[in-house]
PDB file of N, CA and C in Angstrom:
ATOM      1  N   MET A   1     146.837  39.440  59.260  1.00  0.00           N
ATOM      2  CA  MET A   1     147.218  39.826  58.214  1.00  0.00           C
ATOM      3  C   MET A   1     148.911  39.289  58.199  1.00  0.00           C
ATOM      4  N   PRO A   2     149.170  38.465  57.045  1.00  0.00           N
ATOM      5  CA  PRO A   2     150.883  38.194  57.051  1.00  0.00           C
ATOM      6  C   PRO A   2     151.476  39.557  56.923  1.00  0.00           C
ATOM      7  N   ASP A   3     153.039  39.131  57.588  1.00  0.00           N
ATOM      8  CA  ASP A   3     154.066  40.266  57.229  1.00  0.00           C
ATOM      9  C   ASP A   3     154.480  40.668  56.190  1.00  0.00           C
ATOM     10  N   ILE A   4     154.693  41.794  55.673  1.00  0.00           N
ATOM     11  CA  ILE A   4     154.981  42.050  54.159  1.00  0.00           C
ATOM     12  C   ILE A   4     156.318  43.247  54.199  1.00  0.00           C
ATOM     13  N   THR A   5     156.632  43.444  55.354  1.00  0.00           N
ATOM     14  CA  THR A   5     157.901  44.020  55.533  1.00  0.00           C
ATOM     15  C   THR A   5     158.600  44.080  54.803  1.00  0.00           C
ATOM     16  N   GLY A   6     159.395  42.597  54.423  1.00  0.00           N
ATOM     17  CA  GLY A   6     160.462  42.043  53.642  1.00  0.00           C
ATOM     18  C   GLY A   6     160.443  41.785  51.919  1.00  0.00           C
ATOM     19  N   GLY A   7     159.415  42.389  51.436  1.00  0.00           N
ATOM     20  CA  GLY A   7     158.727  42.707  50.367  1.00  0.00           C
ATOM     21  C   GLY A   7     159.361  43.611  49.668  1.00  0.00           C
ATOM     22  N   MET A   8     160.073  43.616  48.138  1.00  0.00           N
ATOM     23  CA  MET A   8     160.176  44.772  47.597  1.00  0.00           C
ATOM     24  C   MET A   8     159.089  45.580  47.281  1.00  0.00           C
ATOM     25  N   SER A   9     159.623  47.006  47.562  1.00  0.00           N
ATOM     26  CA  SER A   9     158.171  48.030  47.164  1.00  0.00           C
ATOM     27  C   SER A   9     157.996  47.858  45.996  1.00  0.00           C
ATOM     28  N   ASP A  10     158.415  47.681  45.206  1.00  0.00           N
ATOM     29  CA  ASP A  10     157.935  48.152  43.500  1.00  0.00           C
ATOM     30  C   ASP A  10     156.897  47.099  43.564  1.00  0.00           C
ATOM     31  N   GLU A  11     157.145  45.724  44.318  1.00  0.00           N
ATOM     32  CA  GLU A  11     156.056  44.195  44.606  1.00  0.00           C
ATOM     33  C   GLU A  11     155.077  44.731  44.835  1.00  0.00           C
ATOM     34  N   ILE A  12     155.022  45.306  46.003  1.00  0.00           N
ATOM     35  CA  ILE A  12     153.712  45.899  46.876  1.00  0.00           C
ATOM     36  C   ILE A  12     153.109  46.807  46.611  1.00  0.00           C
ATOM     37  N   ASP A  13     153.646  48.181  46.090  1.00  0.00           N
ATOM     38  CA  ASP A  13     152.915  49.319  45.937  1.00  0.00           C
ATOM     39  C   ASP A  13     151.486  48.932  45.464  1.00  0.00           C
ATOM     40  N   THR A  14     151.028  48.230  44.692  1.00  0.00           N
ATOM     41  CA  THR A  14     149.521  48.074  44.054  1.00  0.00           C
ATOM     42  C   THR A  14     148.973  47.259  44.960  1.00  0.00           C
ATOM     43  N   GLY A  15     149.352  46.684  45.609  1.00  0.00           N
ATOM     44  CA  GLY A  15     148.568  45.808  46.367  1.00  0.00           C
ATOM     45  C   GLY A  15     149.067  44.263  46.471  1.00  0.00           C
ATOM     46  N   VAL A  16     148.471  43.484  47.620  1.00  0.00           N
ATOM     47  CA  VAL A  16     148.801  42.067  47.647  1.00  0.00           C
ATOM     48  C   VAL A  16     147.851  40.830  47.749  1.00  0.00           C
ATOM     49  N   ALA A  17     147.755  40.099  47.088  1.00  0.00           N
ATOM     50  CA  ALA A  17     147.034  38.700  47.111  1.00  0.00           C
ATOM     51  C   ALA A  17     147.610  37.330  48.298  1.00  0.00           C
ATOM     52  N   PHE A  18     146.988  37.376  49.130  1.00  0.00           N
ATOM     53  CA  PHE A  18     147.370  36.141  49.683  1.00  0.00           C
ATOM     54  C   PHE A  18     146.340  34.947  49.483  1.00  0.00           C
ATOM     55  N   GLN A  19     146.632  33.736  49.808  1.00  0.00           N
ATOM     56  CA  GLN A  19     146.277  32.191  49.704  1.00  0.00           C
ATOM     57  C   GLN A  19     144.722  32.538  50.874  1.00  0.00           C
ATOM     58  N   ALA A  20     143.901  31.804  50.682  1.00  0.00           N
ATOM     59  CA  ALA A  20     142.764  31.944  51.548  1.00  0.00           C
ATOM     60  C   ALA A  20     141.991  30.509  51.801  1.00  0.00           C
ATOM     61  N   GLU A  21     142.066  30.243  53.049  1.00  0.00           N
ATOM     62  CA  GLU A  21     140.974  28.981  53.298  1.00  0.00           C
ATOM     63  C   GLU A  21     139.655  29.214  53.161  1.00  0.00           C
ATOM     64  N   LEU A  22     139.272  30.414  53.785  1.00  0.00           N
ATOM     65  CA  LEU A  22     137.804  30.799  54.087  1.00  0.00           C
ATOM     66  C   LEU A  22     137.339  32.103  53.334  1.00  0.00           C
ATOM     67  N   GLY A  23     137.843  32.700  52.638  1.00  0.00           N
ATOM     68  CA  GLY A  23     137.355  33.392  51.388  1.00  0.00           C
ATOM     69  C   GLY A  23     136.082  32.782  50.310  1.00  0.00           C
ATOM     70  N   GLN A  24     135.232  34.166  49.324  1.00  0.00           N
ATOM     71  CA  GLN A  24     134.788  33.384  49.102  1.00  0.00           C
ATOM     72  C   GLN A  24     135.130  32.387  47.913  1.00  0.00           C
ATOM     73  N   PHE A  25     135.784  31.806  47.534  1.00  0.00           N
ATOM     74  CA  PHE A  25     136.431  30.949  46.607  1.00  0.00           C
ATOM     75  C   PHE A  25     136.976  29.848  47.083  1.00  0.00           C
ATOM     76  N   GLY A  26     136.869  30.048  48.704  1.00  0.00           N
ATOM     77  CA  GLY A  26     137.535  28.396  49.127  1.00  0.00           C
ATOM     78  C   GLY A  26     138.847  28.559  49.510  1.00  0.00           C
ATOM     79  N   ALA A  27     139.344  27.219  49.734  1.00  0.00           N
ATOM     80  CA  ALA A  27     141.048  26.769  49.535  1.00  0.00           C
ATOM     81  C   ALA A  27     141.307  27.425  48.488  1.00  0.00           C
ATOM     82  N   VAL A  28     141.372  27.041  47.234  1.00  0.00           N
ATOM     83  CA  VAL A  28     142.025  27.870  46.537  1.00  0.00           C
ATOM     84  C   VAL A  28     141.324  29.393  45.755  1.00  0.00           C
ATOM     85  N   GLY A  29     141.087  30.026  46.429  1.00  0.00           N
ATOM     86  CA  GLY A  29     141.031  31.473  46.322  1.00  0.00           C
ATOM     87  C   GLY A  29     142.118  32.511  47.262  1.00  0.00           C
ATOM     88  N   ARG A  30     142.048  34.004  46.962  1.00  0.00           N
ATOM     89  CA  ARG A  30     142.981  34.879  47.089  1.00  0.00           C
ATOM     90  C   ARG A  30     142.381  36.160  47.949  1.00  0.00           C
ATOM     91  N   VAL A  31     142.687  36.352  49.197  1.00  0.00           N
ATOM     92  CA  VAL A  31     142.062  37.794  49.228  1.00  0.00           C
ATOM     93  C   VAL A  31     142.709  38.821  49.340  1.00  0.00           C
ATOM     94  N   VAL A  32     142.238  40.225  48.230  1.00  0.00           N
ATOM     95  CA  VAL A  32     143.248  41.116  47.982  1.00  0.00           C
ATOM     96  C   VAL A  32     143.227  42.115  49.285  1.00  0.00           C
ATOM     97  N   TYR A  33     144.581  42.904  49.088  1.00  0.00           N
ATOM     98  CA  TYR A  33     144.431  44.095  50.267  1.00  0.00           C
ATOM     99  C   TYR A  33     145.109  44.882  48.995  1.00  0.00           C
ATOM    100  N   ASP A  34     144.854  46.341  49.552  1.00  0.00           N
ATOM    101  CA  ASP A  34     145.725  47.310  48.578  1.00  0.00           C
ATOM    102  C   ASP A  34     145.960  48.524  49.660  1.00  0.00           C
ATOM    103  N   PRO A  35     147.042  48.837  49.729  1.00  0.00           N
ATOM    104  CA  PRO A  35     147.229  50.188  50.283  1.00  0.00           C
ATOM    105  C   PRO A  35     146.240  51.509  50.674  1.00  0.00           C
ATOM    106  N   ARG A  36     146.234  51.754  51.654  1.00  0.00           N
ATOM    107  CA  ARG A  36     145.027  53.022  51.862  1.00  0.00           C
ATOM    108  C   ARG A  36     145.382  54.282  51.269  1.00  0.00           C
ATOM    109  N   PRO A  37     144.531  54.900  50.253  1.00  0.00           N
ATOM    110  CA  PRO A  37     144.841  55.925  49.432  1.00  0.00           C
ATOM    111  C   PRO A  37     145.214  57.042  50.747  1.00  0.00           C
ATOM    112  N   GLY A  38     146.119  57.757  50.729  1.00  0.00           N
ATOM    113  CA  GLY A  38     146.522  58.661  51.667  1.00  0.00           C
ATOM    114  C   GLY A  38     147.434  58.238  53.058  1.00  0.00           C
ATOM    115  N   ASP A  39     147.346  56.852  53.222  1.00  0.00           N
ATOM    116  CA  ASP A  39     148.447  56.491  54.166  1.00  0.00           C
ATOM    117  C   ASP A  39     148.694  54.998  53.866  1.00  0.00           C
ATOM    118  N   GLN A  40     149.700  55.410  53.039  1.00  0.00           N
ATOM    119  CA  GLN A  40     150.518  53.755  52.299  1.00  0.00           C
ATOM    120  C   GLN A  40     151.021  53.064  53.553  1.00  0.00           C
ATOM    121  N   SER A  41     151.059  53.074  54.644  1.00  0.00           N
ATOM    122  CA  SER A  41     151.055  52.078  55.936  1.00  0.00           C
ATOM    123  C   SER A  41     150.428  51.369  56.315  1.00  0.00           C
ATOM    124  N   CYS A  42     148.987  51.936  56.003  1.00  0.00           N
ATOM    125  CA  CYS A  42     147.854  51.122  56.168  1.00  0.00           C
ATOM    126  C   CYS A  42     147.491  50.450  54.886  1.00  0.00           C
ATOM    127  N   TRP A  43     146.674  49.217  55.177  1.00  0.00           N
ATOM    128  CA  TRP A  43     146.388  48.296  54.055  1.00  0.00           C
ATOM    129  C   TRP A  43     144.708  47.381  54.274  1.00  0.00           C
ATOM    130  N   ASP A  44     144.094  47.745  53.511  1.00  0.00           N
ATOM    131  CA  ASP A  44     142.733  47.724  53.353  1.00  0.00           C
ATOM    132  C   ASP A  44     142.283  46.571  52.481  1.00  0.00           C
ATOM    133  N   TRP A  45     141.117  45.409  53.092  1.00  0.00           N
ATOM    134  CA  TRP A  45     141.099  44.226  52.343  1.00  0.00           C
ATOM    135  C   TRP A  45     140.241  45.000  50.891  1.00  0.00           C
ATOM    136  N   SER A  46     140.172  44.506  49.842  1.00  0.00           N
ATOM    137  CA  SER A  46     139.777  45.381  48.916  1.00  0.00           C
ATOM    138  C   SER A  46     138.979  44.032  47.778  1.00  0.00           C
ATOM    139  N   GLY A  47     138.664  42.558  48.419  1.00  0.00           N
ATOM    140  CA  GLY A  47     138.216  41.604  47.870  1.00  0.00           C
ATOM    141  C   GLY A  47     138.840  40.182  47.848  1.00  0.00           C
ATOM    142  N   ASP A  48     138.151  39.389  47.208  1.00  0.00           N
ATOM    143  CA  ASP A  48     138.225  38.035  47.265  1.00  0.00           C
ATOM    144  C   ASP A  48     138.501  37.750  45.649  1.00  0.00           C
ATOM    145  N   SER A  49     139.414  36.876  45.206  1.00  0.00           N
ATOM    146  CA  SER A  49     139.749  36.429  43.598  1.00  0.00           C
ATOM    147  C   SER A  49     139.717  35.066  43.564  1.00  0.00           C
ATOM    148  N   PRO A  50     139.554  34.422  42.750  1.00  0.00           N
ATOM    149  CA  PRO A  50     139.938  33.152  42.167  1.00  0.00           C
ATOM    150  C   PRO A  50     141.221  32.687  42.206  1.00  0.00           C
TER     151      PRO A  50
END
């Protein structure tokens, strides 16, 4: 997972999407990660997006 520690907290509190070459939608898609409930220091994959 890319390093997002330099991001602004209000931009990443609800989740982030990264471009992905191997996701459900191929090279034009994104993978989405959300903060883990109860442990905001851990992030979990939550799906793919076009």
